Structure formats: C-alpha cells, structure tokens
Amino acid sequence: MPAFYVNKNAQPNGDHEVHTYEYCPTPALLHNRLPLGNHFDCHSAVRAAKVIYPTANGCYHCSNPCHTT
C-alpha cells in the first residue's frame, strides 16, 4: 500500500493536493506535508484528506485517478 500526504498549502483554486511519497514530479515542500498514512488507492487517501481539508483533490501527476479540478 502506498503512503500519501496532503499539501497544507492550497493551490490557487483552493484545492489541497494529495500526493504519494513514492514518486511525484511536483511534490510539496517537506514542511508543507501532512501525512495521511498508507492507503490502497488515492480515492481512500483523498477521503481521509477531506476530513481536514474539504477541498482536497488528487495530484494530476501522482494521483491522477483522483484529480478532478
């Protein structure tokens, strides 16, 4: 199961992006990462992130199946 985190800083559109730790060409800075733990897929990770950040969304690059905006 991959490990995920959510970027504490919102994107210009208000989204807080969910990323994998394994590989992402556009990672958040270390101090802006809020760990979400291990999840079977990005859908589960985004649901966990939405508890904290209702505007959470998957990263286009590393969590594309969950990227909606």
C-alpha atoms as a PDB file:
ATOM      1  CA  MET A   1       0.000   0.000   0.000  1.00  0.00           C
ATOM      2  CA  PRO A   2       1.414   3.373  -0.935  1.00  0.00           C
ATOM      3  CA  ALA A   3       1.805   6.174   1.588  1.00  0.00           C
ATOM      4  CA  PHE A   4       0.104   9.503   0.908  1.00  0.00           C
ATOM      5  CA  TYR A   5       0.227  13.051   2.210  1.00  0.00           C
ATOM      6  CA  VAL A   6      -1.772  16.213   1.636  1.00  0.00           C
ATOM      7  CA  ASN A   7      -0.222  19.579   0.897  1.00  0.00           C
ATOM      8  CA  LYS A   8      -1.075  22.013   3.701  1.00  0.00           C
ATOM      9  CA  ASN A   9      -0.873  24.908   1.226  1.00  0.00           C
ATOM     10  CA  ALA A  10      -3.838  25.303  -1.073  1.00  0.00           C
ATOM     11  CA  GLN A  11      -3.446  25.682  -4.822  1.00  0.00           C
ATOM     12  CA  PRO A  12      -4.688  28.951  -6.399  1.00  0.00           C
ATOM     13  CA  ASN A  13      -8.087  27.289  -6.968  1.00  0.00           C
ATOM     14  CA  GLY A  14      -8.346  26.361  -3.262  1.00  0.00           C
ATOM     15  CA  ASP A  15      -7.532  22.645  -3.612  1.00  0.00           C
ATOM     16  CA  HIS A  16      -5.208  20.867  -1.192  1.00  0.00           C
ATOM     17  CA  GLU A  17      -3.446  18.276  -3.327  1.00  0.00           C
ATOM     18  CA  VAL A  18      -2.986  14.668  -2.222  1.00  0.00           C
ATOM     19  CA  HIS A  19       0.364  13.148  -3.271  1.00  0.00           C
ATOM     20  CA  THR A  20       2.157   9.822  -2.933  1.00  0.00           C
ATOM     21  CA  TYR A  21       5.513   9.680  -1.196  1.00  0.00           C
ATOM     22  CA  GLU A  22       6.826   7.185  -3.766  1.00  0.00           C
ATOM     23  CA  TYR A  23       7.174   9.496  -6.729  1.00  0.00           C
ATOM     24  CA  CYS A  24       5.789  12.825  -7.769  1.00  0.00           C
ATOM     25  CA  PRO A  25       7.370  15.337 -10.141  1.00  0.00           C
ATOM     26  CA  THR A  26       5.585  18.157  -8.261  1.00  0.00           C
ATOM     27  CA  PRO A  27       5.953  17.300  -4.548  1.00  0.00           C
ATOM     28  CA  ALA A  28       5.067  19.643  -1.719  1.00  0.00           C
ATOM     29  CA  LEU A  29       7.880  21.068   0.373  1.00  0.00           C
ATOM     30  CA  LEU A  30       8.681  18.860   3.362  1.00  0.00           C
ATOM     31  CA  HIS A  31       7.317  21.328   5.916  1.00  0.00           C
ATOM     32  CA  ASN A  32       4.010  21.573   3.982  1.00  0.00           C
ATOM     33  CA  ARG A  33       3.253  17.830   4.053  1.00  0.00           C
ATOM     34  CA  LEU A  34       0.586  16.374   6.319  1.00  0.00           C
ATOM     35  CA  PRO A  35       0.920  12.558   6.336  1.00  0.00           C
ATOM     36  CA  LEU A  36      -2.240  10.592   5.585  1.00  0.00           C
ATOM     37  CA  GLY A  37      -0.748   7.139   6.092  1.00  0.00           C
ATOM     38  CA  ASN A  38      -0.962   4.102   3.824  1.00  0.00           C
ATOM     39  CA  HIS A  39      -3.987   3.632   1.593  1.00  0.00           C
ATOM     40  CA  PHE A  40      -4.987   1.067  -1.022  1.00  0.00           C
ATOM     41  CA  ASP A  41      -5.542   3.842  -3.561  1.00  0.00           C
ATOM     42  CA  CYS A  42      -5.759   7.596  -3.981  1.00  0.00           C
ATOM     43  CA  HIS A  43      -9.553   7.567  -3.526  1.00  0.00           C
ATOM     44  CA  SER A  44      -9.172   6.420   0.070  1.00  0.00           C
ATOM     45  CA  ALA A  45      -6.379   8.949   0.673  1.00  0.00           C
ATOM     46  CA  VAL A  46      -8.448  11.822  -0.719  1.00  0.00           C
ATOM     47  CA  ARG A  47     -11.392  10.836   1.509  1.00  0.00           C
ATOM     48  CA  ALA A  48      -9.049  10.948   4.520  1.00  0.00           C
ATOM     49  CA  ALA A  49      -7.692  14.347   3.457  1.00  0.00           C
ATOM     50  CA  LYS A  50     -11.217  15.752   3.021  1.00  0.00           C
ATOM     51  CA  VAL A  51     -11.805  15.275   6.762  1.00  0.00           C
ATOM     52  CA  ILE A  52      -9.205  18.011   7.309  1.00  0.00           C
ATOM     53  CA  TYR A  53      -9.374  19.894   4.002  1.00  0.00           C
ATOM     54  CA  PRO A  54     -12.811  19.615   2.341  1.00  0.00           C
ATOM     55  CA  THR A  55     -11.272  20.873  -0.907  1.00  0.00           C
ATOM     56  CA  ALA A  56      -8.717  18.040  -1.113  1.00  0.00           C
ATOM     57  CA  ASN A  57      -8.079  16.702  -4.596  1.00  0.00           C
ATOM     58  CA  GLY A  58      -5.657  14.228  -6.152  1.00  0.00           C
ATOM     59  CA  CYS A  59      -2.437  15.488  -7.708  1.00  0.00           C
ATOM     60  CA  TYR A  60      -2.598  15.476 -11.508  1.00  0.00           C
ATOM     61  CA  HIS A  61       0.805  13.737 -11.711  1.00  0.00           C
ATOM     62  CA  CYS A  62       0.904  11.124  -8.961  1.00  0.00           C
ATOM     63  CA  SER A  63      -2.783  10.665  -8.019  1.00  0.00           C
ATOM     64  CA  ASN A  64      -4.370  11.314 -11.395  1.00  0.00           C
ATOM     65  CA  PRO A  65      -7.370   8.970 -10.987  1.00  0.00           C
ATOM     66  CA  CYS A  66      -8.428  11.258  -8.124  1.00  0.00           C
ATOM     67  CA  HIS A  67      -7.683  14.557  -9.856  1.00  0.00           C
ATOM     68  CA  THR A  68     -10.973  16.303 -10.586  1.00  0.00           C
ATOM     69  CA  THR A  69     -10.138  20.009 -10.966  1.00  0.00           C
END
